[in-house]
Amino acid sequence: AGGAPLRPCSSRAAQEGINKPVIDRIIRVDHAGEYGANRIYAGQMAVLGRSSVGPIIQQMWNQEKDHLKKFNELMVAHRVRPTVLLPFWNVAGFVLGAGSALLGRKGAMACTVAVEESISEHYNNQIRTLIEEDPEKYKELLQVIKQFRDEEQEHHDIGLEHDAEATPGYSVLKTAIQLGCKAAIFLSERI
């Protein structure tokens, strides 16, 4: 009577010594990134779904769907709120995917290379952060991020194998997309 109300999830996290702000930031931004990736592949499939590269894009999209499902589960388990920017990422991701696909299969693959390279680098930074915090305490999350990083790297390599670098203006396109990815990561971690 008269005491503070119990908050089972937050007290559980405190008992386990979890660095809640770090975990919240990681899960929020990774959820946003996987959500955005799903929208990019949806845009690419809308344009190139019936082309010869359609099955390859679909295969990568299926993995992204699995990634998003896992981060949806982690958000609930850790009681992390999504970024308020999801409606924006919904539109921006689809437009980026469809726009790059309108450049043809090479353009779509150039987009994939740029995005997946950025995401692999981002996941590597998160892995370093979690290892510095406590690799044993964050073992499950580390396993998830390492697996997804490896799959994103596979998507990057698939893009290169399908002539991404032959896209006219490839280096400019790649740089622009990667700047957008960095901005999206920065904002989604914080908002």
Protein backbone atom coordinates (compact mmCIF):
# COMPACT_ATOMS: atom_id res chain seq x y z
CA ALA A 1 0.00 0.00 0.00
CA GLY A 2 1.33 3.39 -0.98
CA GLY A 3 4.31 1.90 -2.81
CA ALA A 4 5.28 2.41 -6.43
CA PRO A 5 3.36 0.27 -8.93
CA LEU A 6 5.14 -2.81 -10.17
CA ARG A 7 6.48 -2.81 -13.72
CA PRO A 8 7.45 -6.41 -14.43
CA CYS A 9 9.21 -5.93 -17.77
CA SER A 10 11.33 -2.96 -16.80
CA SER A 11 12.27 -4.49 -13.43
CA ARG A 12 13.18 -7.75 -15.16
CA ALA A 13 15.51 -5.89 -17.47
CA ALA A 14 17.05 -4.05 -14.53
CA GLN A 15 17.54 -7.32 -12.65
CA GLU A 16 19.36 -8.84 -15.59
CA GLY A 17 21.58 -5.77 -15.88
CA ILE A 18 20.45 -5.02 -19.43
CA ASN A 19 21.46 -1.63 -20.79
CA LYS A 20 17.90 -0.76 -21.82
CA PRO A 21 18.70 2.46 -23.75
CA VAL A 22 21.26 0.62 -25.90
CA ILE A 23 18.96 -2.34 -26.54
CA ASP A 24 16.01 -0.05 -27.29
CA ARG A 25 18.07 1.95 -29.79
CA ILE A 26 19.40 -1.19 -31.50
CA ILE A 27 16.05 -2.93 -31.79
CA ARG A 28 14.23 0.26 -32.88
CA VAL A 29 16.67 1.10 -35.66
CA ASP A 30 17.00 -2.51 -36.85
CA HIS A 31 13.23 -2.88 -37.00
CA ALA A 32 13.03 0.35 -39.01
CA GLY A 33 15.80 -0.84 -41.33
CA GLU A 34 14.19 -4.20 -41.99
CA TYR A 35 10.85 -2.48 -42.50
CA GLY A 36 12.47 -0.14 -45.02
CA ALA A 37 14.21 -3.04 -46.78
CA ASN A 38 10.88 -4.82 -47.15
CA ARG A 39 9.42 -1.71 -48.77
CA ILE A 40 12.44 -1.39 -51.12
CA TYR A 41 12.02 -4.97 -52.32
CA ALA A 42 8.25 -4.46 -52.64
CA GLY A 43 8.96 -1.51 -54.94
CA GLN A 44 11.47 -3.49 -56.96
CA MET A 45 9.05 -6.39 -57.33
CA ALA A 46 6.28 -4.02 -58.46
CA VAL A 47 8.47 -3.02 -61.40
CA LEU A 48 10.63 -6.11 -62.05
CA GLY A 49 8.61 -8.94 -60.52
CA ARG A 50 7.88 -10.56 -63.87
CA SER A 51 11.36 -10.06 -65.29
CA SER A 52 14.23 -12.53 -65.27
CA VAL A 53 15.56 -10.99 -62.06
CA GLY A 54 12.18 -11.20 -60.28
CA PRO A 55 12.86 -14.57 -58.58
CA ILE A 56 16.21 -13.30 -57.25
CA ILE A 57 14.61 -10.17 -55.81
CA GLN A 58 11.81 -12.30 -54.33
CA GLN A 59 14.35 -14.59 -52.66
CA MET A 60 16.11 -11.63 -51.02
CA TRP A 61 12.75 -10.11 -50.06
CA ASN A 62 11.69 -13.36 -48.37
CA GLN A 63 14.77 -13.18 -46.14
CA GLU A 64 13.99 -9.54 -45.33
CA LYS A 65 10.46 -10.59 -44.34
CA ASP A 66 11.98 -13.09 -41.89
CA HIS A 67 14.26 -10.36 -40.51
CA LEU A 68 11.31 -8.01 -39.98
CA LYS A 69 9.31 -10.76 -38.29
CA LYS A 70 12.15 -11.38 -35.83
CA PHE A 71 12.53 -7.69 -35.01
CA ASN A 72 8.75 -7.42 -34.52
CA GLU A 73 9.08 -10.22 -31.95
CA LEU A 74 12.07 -8.55 -30.27
CA MET A 75 10.19 -5.25 -30.05
CA VAL A 76 7.39 -6.93 -28.14
CA ALA A 77 9.72 -9.00 -25.95
CA HIS A 78 11.81 -5.96 -24.96
CA ARG A 79 8.91 -3.48 -24.99
CA VAL A 80 10.57 -1.19 -27.52
CA ARG A 81 8.48 1.40 -29.32
CA PRO A 82 8.94 1.67 -33.09
CA THR A 83 10.33 4.81 -34.66
CA VAL A 84 7.69 7.41 -35.39
CA LEU A 85 9.17 7.59 -38.90
CA LEU A 86 7.69 4.25 -40.07
CA PRO A 87 5.05 5.95 -42.27
CA PHE A 88 7.83 7.90 -43.97
CA TRP A 89 10.02 4.79 -44.40
CA ASN A 90 6.99 3.02 -45.87
CA VAL A 91 6.76 5.51 -48.73
CA ALA A 92 10.47 6.29 -49.07
CA GLY A 93 11.44 2.61 -49.20
CA PHE A 94 8.88 1.77 -51.87
CA VAL A 95 9.84 4.82 -53.95
CA LEU A 96 13.55 3.94 -53.70
CA GLY A 97 12.87 0.35 -54.70
CA ALA A 98 10.57 1.19 -57.60
CA GLY A 99 12.74 4.11 -58.72
CA SER A 100 15.89 2.02 -58.82
CA ALA A 101 14.03 -0.76 -60.64
CA LEU A 102 12.86 1.73 -63.27
CA LEU A 103 16.56 2.06 -64.15
CA GLY A 104 16.40 -1.65 -65.02
CA ARG A 105 17.74 -4.76 -63.34
CA LYS A 106 21.20 -3.22 -62.95
CA GLY A 107 19.70 -0.18 -61.23
CA ALA A 108 17.78 -2.37 -58.80
CA MET A 109 20.94 -4.32 -58.05
CA ALA A 110 22.92 -1.09 -57.57
CA CYS A 111 20.34 -0.06 -54.97
CA THR A 112 20.67 -3.46 -53.29
CA VAL A 113 24.47 -3.18 -53.16
CA ALA A 114 24.34 0.32 -51.69
CA VAL A 115 21.71 -0.47 -49.06
CA GLU A 116 23.10 -3.84 -48.02
CA GLU A 117 26.65 -2.52 -47.73
CA SER A 118 25.37 0.23 -45.42
CA ILE A 119 23.34 -2.22 -43.35
CA SER A 120 26.22 -4.72 -43.04
CA GLU A 121 28.46 -1.92 -41.77
CA HIS A 122 25.72 -0.79 -39.37
CA TYR A 123 25.25 -4.33 -38.04
CA ASN A 124 29.04 -4.64 -37.55
CA ASN A 125 28.98 -1.48 -35.44
CA GLN A 126 26.16 -2.91 -33.33
CA ILE A 127 28.04 -6.18 -32.88
CA ARG A 128 31.06 -4.24 -31.59
CA THR A 129 28.83 -2.28 -29.20
CA LEU A 130 27.20 -5.40 -27.77
CA ILE A 131 30.54 -7.19 -27.39
CA GLU A 132 31.91 -4.17 -25.51
CA GLU A 133 28.82 -4.17 -23.27
CA ASP A 134 28.85 -7.91 -22.46
CA PRO A 135 28.87 -10.63 -25.14
CA GLU A 136 27.36 -13.24 -22.84
CA LYS A 137 24.51 -11.03 -21.66
CA TYR A 138 23.56 -10.11 -25.23
CA LYS A 139 24.30 -13.52 -26.76
CA GLU A 140 20.86 -14.03 -28.34
CA LEU A 141 20.74 -10.56 -29.89
CA LEU A 142 24.32 -10.93 -31.11
CA GLN A 143 23.42 -14.21 -32.85
CA VAL A 144 20.44 -12.59 -34.57
CA ILE A 145 22.42 -9.56 -35.74
CA LYS A 146 25.36 -11.68 -36.96
CA GLN A 147 23.04 -13.96 -38.95
CA PHE A 148 21.19 -11.03 -40.49
CA ARG A 149 24.47 -9.23 -41.25
CA ASP A 150 25.69 -12.31 -43.10
CA GLU A 151 22.45 -12.52 -45.10
CA GLU A 152 22.62 -8.81 -45.94
CA GLN A 153 26.18 -9.36 -47.15
CA GLU A 154 24.91 -12.19 -49.37
CA HIS A 155 22.37 -9.77 -50.88
CA HIS A 156 25.19 -7.28 -51.49
CA ASP A 157 27.19 -9.96 -53.28
CA ILE A 158 24.17 -11.04 -55.34
CA GLY A 159 23.81 -7.43 -56.47
CA LEU A 160 27.44 -7.33 -57.59
CA GLU A 161 27.05 -10.67 -59.40
CA HIS A 162 24.11 -9.19 -61.32
CA ASP A 163 26.01 -6.24 -62.77
CA ALA A 164 25.16 -3.52 -60.24
CA GLU A 165 28.42 -1.74 -61.03
CA ALA A 166 27.46 -1.52 -64.71
CA THR A 167 24.61 0.88 -63.87
CA PRO A 168 25.17 4.30 -65.48
CA GLY A 169 26.24 6.69 -62.73
CA TYR A 170 26.78 3.79 -60.33
CA SER A 171 29.14 5.57 -57.94
CA VAL A 172 26.90 8.65 -57.70
CA LEU A 173 23.79 6.52 -57.20
CA LYS A 174 25.52 4.36 -54.59
CA THR A 175 26.82 7.39 -52.68
CA ALA A 176 23.39 9.07 -52.68
CA ILE A 177 21.62 5.93 -51.46
CA GLN A 178 24.22 5.34 -48.74
CA LEU A 179 23.91 8.93 -47.51
CA GLY A 180 20.17 8.34 -47.28
CA CYS A 181 20.78 5.11 -45.35
CA LYS A 182 23.06 6.90 -42.88
CA ALA A 183 20.43 9.60 -42.33
CA ALA A 184 17.70 6.98 -41.89
CA ILE A 185 19.81 5.10 -39.33
CA PHE A 186 20.63 8.28 -37.41
CA LEU A 187 17.00 9.40 -37.28
CA SER A 188 15.47 5.99 -36.56
CA GLU A 189 17.78 5.42 -33.59
CA ARG A 190 16.61 8.65 -32.00
CA ILE A 191 13.02 9.37 -33.03
